[in-house]
Amino acid sequence: MAANQGERTRRRLTTEQRREQLLTVGARLFSEHPYDEVRIERVAEIAGVSRGLLYHYFPTKRDFFAGVVDRESDHMLRMTAPRPGVPVRDQLTAGLDAYLEYVREHAHGYRAFHRADAAGDQAVRRVYQRALAAQERQILAALAADPEFGPVVVARPELRLAVRGWLAFTTSVCLEWLRRPELTREQLRDLCARALLGVVDGA
């Protein structure tokens, strides 16, 4: 009896730990299956909690998936946050290194994040689009703060469109890299860096 009680005590999680556990399970399932095929009961079963407890944290499946997408977006934004005062060209390599390391170490979450665009639920797709827009704003803000480019260049509509296209390119090559890692991380980093600099220089 005492041993069982100790086991339950060890498994007791804080609210934040439990939420993180559920989102981790959700990221794996949503990365492996289309949105419509993921059952909330399966998430609860894998996490070892009741369905009612899961709904306590996330009232609907839409809220749950939005939570997965928001978490991955926050992680990626932190990984690629610009460093004030450092030229974009100098910080690009370090930023992409951190981003690609995150992609490799959190492949389930990365795939789940980008599956959101294919979800049939329009509210879920809007969450995903907002997350992509935040990434775009972060890149443009870094460029605007760099004397080489500045706010006048960044305000040009063709640059905004080009950065949006670069994000789509980077997503595509990263997802392919997870499926078939034919390039090293360094090779992929250099490919993405050349693509962004080509976009910025040509815009």
C-alpha atoms as a PDB file:
ATOM      1  CA  MET A   1       0.000   0.000   0.000  1.00  0.00           C
ATOM      2  CA  ALA A   2       2.750   2.452   0.964  1.00  0.00           C
ATOM      3  CA  ALA A   3       4.623   1.682  -2.251  1.00  0.00           C
ATOM      4  CA  ASN A   4       1.514   2.395  -4.332  1.00  0.00           C
ATOM      5  CA  GLN A   5       0.961   5.668  -2.528  1.00  0.00           C
ATOM      6  CA  GLY A   6       4.578   6.619  -3.167  1.00  0.00           C
ATOM      7  CA  GLU A   7       4.167   5.826  -6.847  1.00  0.00           C
ATOM      8  CA  ARG A   8       1.102   8.059  -7.062  1.00  0.00           C
ATOM      9  CA  THR A   9       2.976  10.834  -5.276  1.00  0.00           C
ATOM     10  CA  ARG A  10       5.867  10.643  -7.707  1.00  0.00           C
ATOM     11  CA  ARG A  11       3.465  10.885 -10.627  1.00  0.00           C
ATOM     12  CA  ARG A  12       1.602  13.917  -9.308  1.00  0.00           C
ATOM     13  CA  LEU A  13       2.325  16.849 -11.601  1.00  0.00           C
ATOM     14  CA  THR A  14       1.863  20.550 -11.204  1.00  0.00           C
ATOM     15  CA  THR A  15      -0.727  22.257 -13.378  1.00  0.00           C
ATOM     16  CA  GLU A  16       1.959  23.505 -15.761  1.00  0.00           C
ATOM     17  CA  GLN A  17       3.710  20.119 -15.905  1.00  0.00           C
ATOM     18  CA  ARG A  18       0.436  18.351 -16.662  1.00  0.00           C
ATOM     19  CA  ARG A  19      -0.425  20.840 -19.379  1.00  0.00           C
ATOM     20  CA  GLU A  20       3.008  20.394 -20.926  1.00  0.00           C
ATOM     21  CA  GLN A  21       2.637  16.616 -20.791  1.00  0.00           C
ATOM     22  CA  LEU A  22      -0.697  16.752 -22.597  1.00  0.00           C
ATOM     23  CA  LEU A  23       0.659  19.092 -25.269  1.00  0.00           C
ATOM     24  CA  THR A  24       3.643  16.804 -25.818  1.00  0.00           C
ATOM     25  CA  VAL A  25       1.338  13.825 -26.363  1.00  0.00           C
ATOM     26  CA  GLY A  26      -0.842  15.924 -28.636  1.00  0.00           C
ATOM     27  CA  ALA A  27       2.133  17.078 -30.693  1.00  0.00           C
ATOM     28  CA  ARG A  28       3.115  13.471 -31.371  1.00  0.00           C
ATOM     29  CA  LEU A  29      -0.381  12.369 -32.362  1.00  0.00           C
ATOM     30  CA  PHE A  30      -1.106  15.418 -34.512  1.00  0.00           C
ATOM     31  CA  SER A  31       2.251  14.999 -36.252  1.00  0.00           C
ATOM     32  CA  GLU A  32       1.432  11.403 -37.173  1.00  0.00           C
ATOM     33  CA  HIS A  33      -2.261  11.717 -38.074  1.00  0.00           C
ATOM     34  CA  PRO A  34      -4.559  14.257 -39.753  1.00  0.00           C
ATOM     35  CA  TYR A  35      -6.459  16.517 -37.387  1.00  0.00           C
ATOM     36  CA  ASP A  36      -9.798  14.747 -37.936  1.00  0.00           C
ATOM     37  CA  GLU A  37      -8.301  11.341 -37.057  1.00  0.00           C
ATOM     38  CA  VAL A  38      -6.880  12.303 -33.661  1.00  0.00           C
ATOM     39  CA  ARG A  39      -9.241  11.279 -30.852  1.00  0.00           C
ATOM     40  CA  ILE A  40      -9.128  13.222 -27.619  1.00  0.00           C
ATOM     41  CA  GLU A  41      -9.761   9.961 -25.741  1.00  0.00           C
ATOM     42  CA  ARG A  42      -6.505   8.580 -27.134  1.00  0.00           C
ATOM     43  CA  VAL A  43      -4.597  11.597 -25.863  1.00  0.00           C
ATOM     44  CA  ALA A  44      -6.014  11.078 -22.377  1.00  0.00           C
ATOM     45  CA  GLU A  45      -5.237   7.353 -22.510  1.00  0.00           C
ATOM     46  CA  ILE A  46      -1.577   7.882 -23.455  1.00  0.00           C
ATOM     47  CA  ALA A  47      -1.156  10.623 -20.850  1.00  0.00           C
ATOM     48  CA  GLY A  48      -2.750   8.403 -18.197  1.00  0.00           C
ATOM     49  CA  VAL A  49      -5.455  10.900 -17.261  1.00  0.00           C
ATOM     50  CA  SER A  50      -9.221  10.977 -17.494  1.00  0.00           C
ATOM     51  CA  ARG A  51     -10.934  12.586 -20.449  1.00  0.00           C
ATOM     52  CA  GLY A  52     -12.580  14.971 -18.007  1.00  0.00           C
ATOM     53  CA  LEU A  53      -9.203  16.189 -16.751  1.00  0.00           C
ATOM     54  CA  LEU A  54      -8.019  16.819 -20.296  1.00  0.00           C
ATOM     55  CA  TYR A  55     -11.163  18.841 -20.995  1.00  0.00           C
ATOM     56  CA  HIS A  56     -10.448  20.787 -17.802  1.00  0.00           C
ATOM     57  CA  TYR A  57      -7.272  22.074 -19.441  1.00  0.00           C
ATOM     58  CA  PHE A  58      -8.616  22.264 -23.008  1.00  0.00           C
ATOM     59  CA  PRO A  59     -12.423  22.550 -23.325  1.00  0.00           C
ATOM     60  CA  THR A  60     -12.491  21.397 -26.967  1.00  0.00           C
ATOM     61  CA  LYS A  61     -10.319  19.513 -29.422  1.00  0.00           C
ATOM     62  CA  ARG A  62      -9.863  22.797 -31.296  1.00  0.00           C
ATOM     63  CA  ASP A  63      -8.536  24.439 -28.115  1.00  0.00           C
ATOM     64  CA  PHE A  64      -6.184  21.518 -27.594  1.00  0.00           C
ATOM     65  CA  PHE A  65      -4.710  21.657 -31.082  1.00  0.00           C
ATOM     66  CA  ALA A  66      -4.472  25.435 -30.874  1.00  0.00           C
ATOM     67  CA  GLY A  67      -2.489  24.938 -27.666  1.00  0.00           C
ATOM     68  CA  VAL A  68      -0.068  22.622 -29.488  1.00  0.00           C
ATOM     69  CA  VAL A  69       0.357  25.144 -32.304  1.00  0.00           C
ATOM     70  CA  ASP A  70       0.815  28.070 -29.908  1.00  0.00           C
ATOM     71  CA  ARG A  71       3.439  26.196 -27.900  1.00  0.00           C
ATOM     72  CA  GLU A  72       5.476  25.297 -30.962  1.00  0.00           C
ATOM     73  CA  SER A  73       5.198  28.847 -32.285  1.00  0.00           C
ATOM     74  CA  ASP A  74       6.456  30.272 -28.989  1.00  0.00           C
ATOM     75  CA  HIS A  75       9.397  27.871 -28.972  1.00  0.00           C
ATOM     76  CA  MET A  76      10.407  28.718 -32.527  1.00  0.00           C
ATOM     77  CA  LEU A  77      10.115  32.457 -31.947  1.00  0.00           C
ATOM     78  CA  ARG A  78      12.344  32.205 -28.879  1.00  0.00           C
ATOM     79  CA  MET A  79      14.877  30.102 -30.780  1.00  0.00           C
ATOM     80  CA  THR A  80      15.163  32.676 -33.551  1.00  0.00           C
ATOM     81  CA  ALA A  81      14.778  35.891 -31.541  1.00  0.00           C
ATOM     82  CA  PRO A  82      17.009  38.630 -33.019  1.00  0.00           C
ATOM     83  CA  ARG A  83      19.898  40.050 -31.026  1.00  0.00           C
ATOM     84  CA  PRO A  84      19.795  43.846 -30.895  1.00  0.00           C
ATOM     85  CA  GLY A  85      22.817  45.548 -32.357  1.00  0.00           C
ATOM     86  CA  VAL A  86      24.102  42.478 -34.203  1.00  0.00           C
ATOM     87  CA  PRO A  87      23.953  42.687 -38.018  1.00  0.00           C
ATOM     88  CA  VAL A  88      21.458  40.312 -39.605  1.00  0.00           C
ATOM     89  CA  ARG A  89      24.131  38.644 -41.706  1.00  0.00           C
ATOM     90  CA  ASP A  90      26.195  37.889 -38.603  1.00  0.00           C
ATOM     91  CA  GLN A  91      23.355  36.454 -36.542  1.00  0.00           C
ATOM     92  CA  LEU A  92      21.699  34.481 -39.334  1.00  0.00           C
ATOM     93  CA  THR A  93      23.970  31.436 -39.002  1.00  0.00           C
ATOM     94  CA  ALA A  94      23.515  31.213 -35.229  1.00  0.00           C
ATOM     95  CA  GLY A  95      19.764  31.701 -35.509  1.00  0.00           C
ATOM     96  CA  LEU A  96      19.385  28.984 -38.130  1.00  0.00           C
ATOM     97  CA  ASP A  97      21.608  26.635 -36.125  1.00  0.00           C
ATOM     98  CA  ALA A  98      19.294  27.026 -33.128  1.00  0.00           C
ATOM     99  CA  TYR A  99      16.194  26.662 -35.298  1.00  0.00           C
ATOM    100  CA  LEU A 100      17.400  23.480 -37.023  1.00  0.00           C
ATOM    101  CA  GLU A 101      18.490  21.963 -33.732  1.00  0.00           C
ATOM    102  CA  TYR A 102      14.990  22.601 -32.429  1.00  0.00           C
ATOM    103  CA  VAL A 103      13.456  21.048 -35.561  1.00  0.00           C
ATOM    104  CA  ARG A 104      15.559  17.927 -35.092  1.00  0.00           C
ATOM    105  CA  GLU A 105      15.010  17.601 -31.341  1.00  0.00           C
ATOM    106  CA  HIS A 106      11.269  18.397 -31.495  1.00  0.00           C
ATOM    107  CA  ALA A 107      10.312  16.802 -34.784  1.00  0.00           C
ATOM    108  CA  HIS A 108       6.830  15.781 -33.585  1.00  0.00           C
ATOM    109  CA  GLY A 109       5.953  19.291 -32.490  1.00  0.00           C
ATOM    110  CA  TYR A 110       7.362  20.833 -35.659  1.00  0.00           C
ATOM    111  CA  ARG A 111       5.364  18.494 -37.883  1.00  0.00           C
ATOM    112  CA  ALA A 112       2.215  19.056 -35.819  1.00  0.00           C
ATOM    113  CA  PHE A 113       2.623  22.818 -36.091  1.00  0.00           C
ATOM    114  CA  HIS A 114       2.782  22.704 -39.866  1.00  0.00           C
ATOM    115  CA  ARG A 115      -0.047  20.186 -40.142  1.00  0.00           C
ATOM    116  CA  ALA A 116      -2.328  22.881 -38.774  1.00  0.00           C
ATOM    117  CA  ASP A 117      -2.516  24.541 -42.169  1.00  0.00           C
ATOM    118  CA  ALA A 118      -4.076  21.384 -43.588  1.00  0.00           C
ATOM    119  CA  ALA A 119      -6.623  21.042 -40.790  1.00  0.00           C
ATOM    120  CA  GLY A 120     -10.218  21.300 -41.927  1.00  0.00           C
ATOM    121  CA  ASP A 121     -11.080  23.522 -38.971  1.00  0.00           C
ATOM    122  CA  GLN A 122     -10.824  27.145 -40.083  1.00  0.00           C
ATOM    123  CA  ALA A 123     -10.257  28.384 -36.524  1.00  0.00           C
ATOM    124  CA  VAL A 124      -7.224  26.095 -36.216  1.00  0.00           C
ATOM    125  CA  ARG A 125      -5.879  27.346 -39.539  1.00  0.00           C
ATOM    126  CA  ARG A 126      -6.225  30.925 -38.325  1.00  0.00           C
ATOM    127  CA  VAL A 127      -4.110  30.092 -35.264  1.00  0.00           C
ATOM    128  CA  TYR A 128      -1.443  28.707 -37.586  1.00  0.00           C
ATOM    129  CA  GLN A 129      -1.562  31.729 -39.876  1.00  0.00           C
ATOM    130  CA  ARG A 130      -1.190  34.065 -36.897  1.00  0.00           C
ATOM    131  CA  ALA A 131       1.868  32.106 -35.796  1.00  0.00           C
ATOM    132  CA  LEU A 132       3.454  32.398 -39.249  1.00  0.00           C
ATOM    133  CA  ALA A 133       2.699  36.114 -39.291  1.00  0.00           C
ATOM    134  CA  ALA A 134       4.546  36.466 -35.966  1.00  0.00           C
ATOM    135  CA  GLN A 135       7.615  34.781 -37.500  1.00  0.00           C
ATOM    136  CA  GLU A 136       7.414  37.112 -40.489  1.00  0.00           C
ATOM    137  CA  ARG A 137       7.185  40.177 -38.247  1.00  0.00           C
ATOM    138  CA  GLN A 138      10.180  39.019 -36.229  1.00  0.00           C
ATOM    139  CA  ILE A 139      12.348  38.653 -39.340  1.00  0.00           C
ATOM    140  CA  LEU A 140      11.237  42.014 -40.730  1.00  0.00           C
ATOM    141  CA  ALA A 141      11.873  43.709 -37.386  1.00  0.00           C
ATOM    142  CA  ALA A 142      15.429  42.349 -37.336  1.00  0.00           C
ATOM    143  CA  LEU A 143      15.992  43.607 -40.870  1.00  0.00           C
ATOM    144  CA  ALA A 144      14.502  47.014 -40.053  1.00  0.00           C
ATOM    145  CA  ALA A 145      16.873  47.403 -37.079  1.00  0.00           C
ATOM    146  CA  ASP A 146      19.922  46.637 -39.243  1.00  0.00           C
ATOM    147  CA  PRO A 147      21.551  49.759 -40.783  1.00  0.00           C
ATOM    148  CA  GLU A 148      22.256  47.804 -43.951  1.00  0.00           C
ATOM    149  CA  PHE A 149      18.555  47.464 -44.656  1.00  0.00           C
ATOM    150  CA  GLY A 150      16.554  49.739 -42.377  1.00  0.00           C
ATOM    151  CA  PRO A 151      12.808  50.473 -42.165  1.00  0.00           C
ATOM    152  CA  VAL A 152      12.590  52.038 -45.643  1.00  0.00           C
ATOM    153  CA  VAL A 153      13.777  48.855 -47.374  1.00  0.00           C
ATOM    154  CA  VAL A 154      11.693  46.625 -45.115  1.00  0.00           C
ATOM    155  CA  ALA A 155       8.555  48.627 -45.913  1.00  0.00           C
ATOM    156  CA  ARG A 156       8.773  47.604 -49.562  1.00  0.00           C
ATOM    157  CA  PRO A 157       5.932  45.144 -50.284  1.00  0.00           C
ATOM    158  CA  GLU A 158       8.148  42.892 -52.392  1.00  0.00           C
ATOM    159  CA  LEU A 159      10.423  42.243 -49.406  1.00  0.00           C
ATOM    160  CA  ARG A 160       7.505  41.278 -47.196  1.00  0.00           C
ATOM    161  CA  LEU A 161       6.287  38.895 -49.858  1.00  0.00           C
ATOM    162  CA  ALA A 162       9.794  37.510 -50.336  1.00  0.00           C
ATOM    163  CA  VAL A 163      10.215  36.835 -46.600  1.00  0.00           C
ATOM    164  CA  ARG A 164       6.867  35.054 -46.549  1.00  0.00           C
ATOM    165  CA  GLY A 165       8.058  32.909 -49.449  1.00  0.00           C
ATOM    166  CA  TRP A 166      11.311  32.184 -47.637  1.00  0.00           C
ATOM    167  CA  LEU A 167       9.390  30.933 -44.609  1.00  0.00           C
ATOM    168  CA  ALA A 168       7.460  28.546 -46.862  1.00  0.00           C
ATOM    169  CA  PHE A 169      10.715  27.392 -48.463  1.00  0.00           C
ATOM    170  CA  THR A 170      12.378  26.804 -45.090  1.00  0.00           C
ATOM    171  CA  THR A 171       9.367  24.851 -43.834  1.00  0.00           C
ATOM    172  CA  SER A 172       9.360  22.667 -46.915  1.00  0.00           C
ATOM    173  CA  VAL A 173      13.063  21.808 -46.790  1.00  0.00           C
ATOM    174  CA  CYS A 174      12.970  21.181 -43.035  1.00  0.00           C
ATOM    175  CA  LEU A 175      10.039  18.775 -43.327  1.00  0.00           C
ATOM    176  CA  GLU A 176      11.824  16.977 -46.156  1.00  0.00           C
ATOM    177  CA  TRP A 177      15.016  16.875 -44.056  1.00  0.00           C
ATOM    178  CA  LEU A 178      13.097  15.175 -41.240  1.00  0.00           C
ATOM    179  CA  ARG A 179      11.815  12.569 -43.712  1.00  0.00           C
ATOM    180  CA  ARG A 180      15.120  12.062 -45.496  1.00  0.00           C
ATOM    181  CA  PRO A 181      18.151  13.618 -43.757  1.00  0.00           C
ATOM    182  CA  GLU A 182      20.408  13.566 -46.805  1.00  0.00           C
ATOM    183  CA  LEU A 183      22.069  16.852 -45.839  1.00  0.00           C
ATOM    184  CA  THR A 184      23.914  17.601 -42.621  1.00  0.00           C
ATOM    185  CA  ARG A 185      22.483  20.297 -40.392  1.00  0.00           C
ATOM    186  CA  GLU A 186      25.312  22.591 -41.474  1.00  0.00           C
ATOM    187  CA  GLN A 187      24.554  22.034 -45.155  1.00  0.00           C
ATOM    188  CA  LEU A 188      20.863  22.722 -44.599  1.00  0.00           C
ATOM    189  CA  ARG A 189      21.685  25.811 -42.549  1.00  0.00           C
ATOM    190  CA  ASP A 190      23.863  27.199 -45.327  1.00  0.00           C
ATOM    191  CA  LEU A 191      21.175  26.447 -47.906  1.00  0.00           C
ATOM    192  CA  CYS A 192      18.539  28.342 -45.911  1.00  0.00           C
ATOM    193  CA  ALA A 193      20.917  31.220 -45.166  1.00  0.00           C
ATOM    194  CA  ARG A 194      21.816  31.658 -48.837  1.00  0.00           C
ATOM    195  CA  ALA A 195      18.135  31.572 -49.747  1.00  0.00           C
ATOM    196  CA  LEU A 196      17.213  34.326 -47.267  1.00  0.00           C
ATOM    197  CA  LEU A 197      20.162  36.539 -48.174  1.00  0.00           C
ATOM    198  CA  GLY A 198      19.339  36.067 -51.851  1.00  0.00           C
ATOM    199  CA  VAL A 199      15.756  37.105 -51.151  1.00  0.00           C
ATOM    200  CA  VAL A 200      16.786  40.174 -49.152  1.00  0.00           C
ATOM    201  CA  ASP A 201      19.490  41.285 -51.577  1.00  0.00           C
ATOM    202  CA  GLY A 202      17.220  40.854 -54.563  1.00  0.00           C
ATOM    203  CA  ALA A 203      14.094  42.449 -53.132  1.00  0.00           C
END
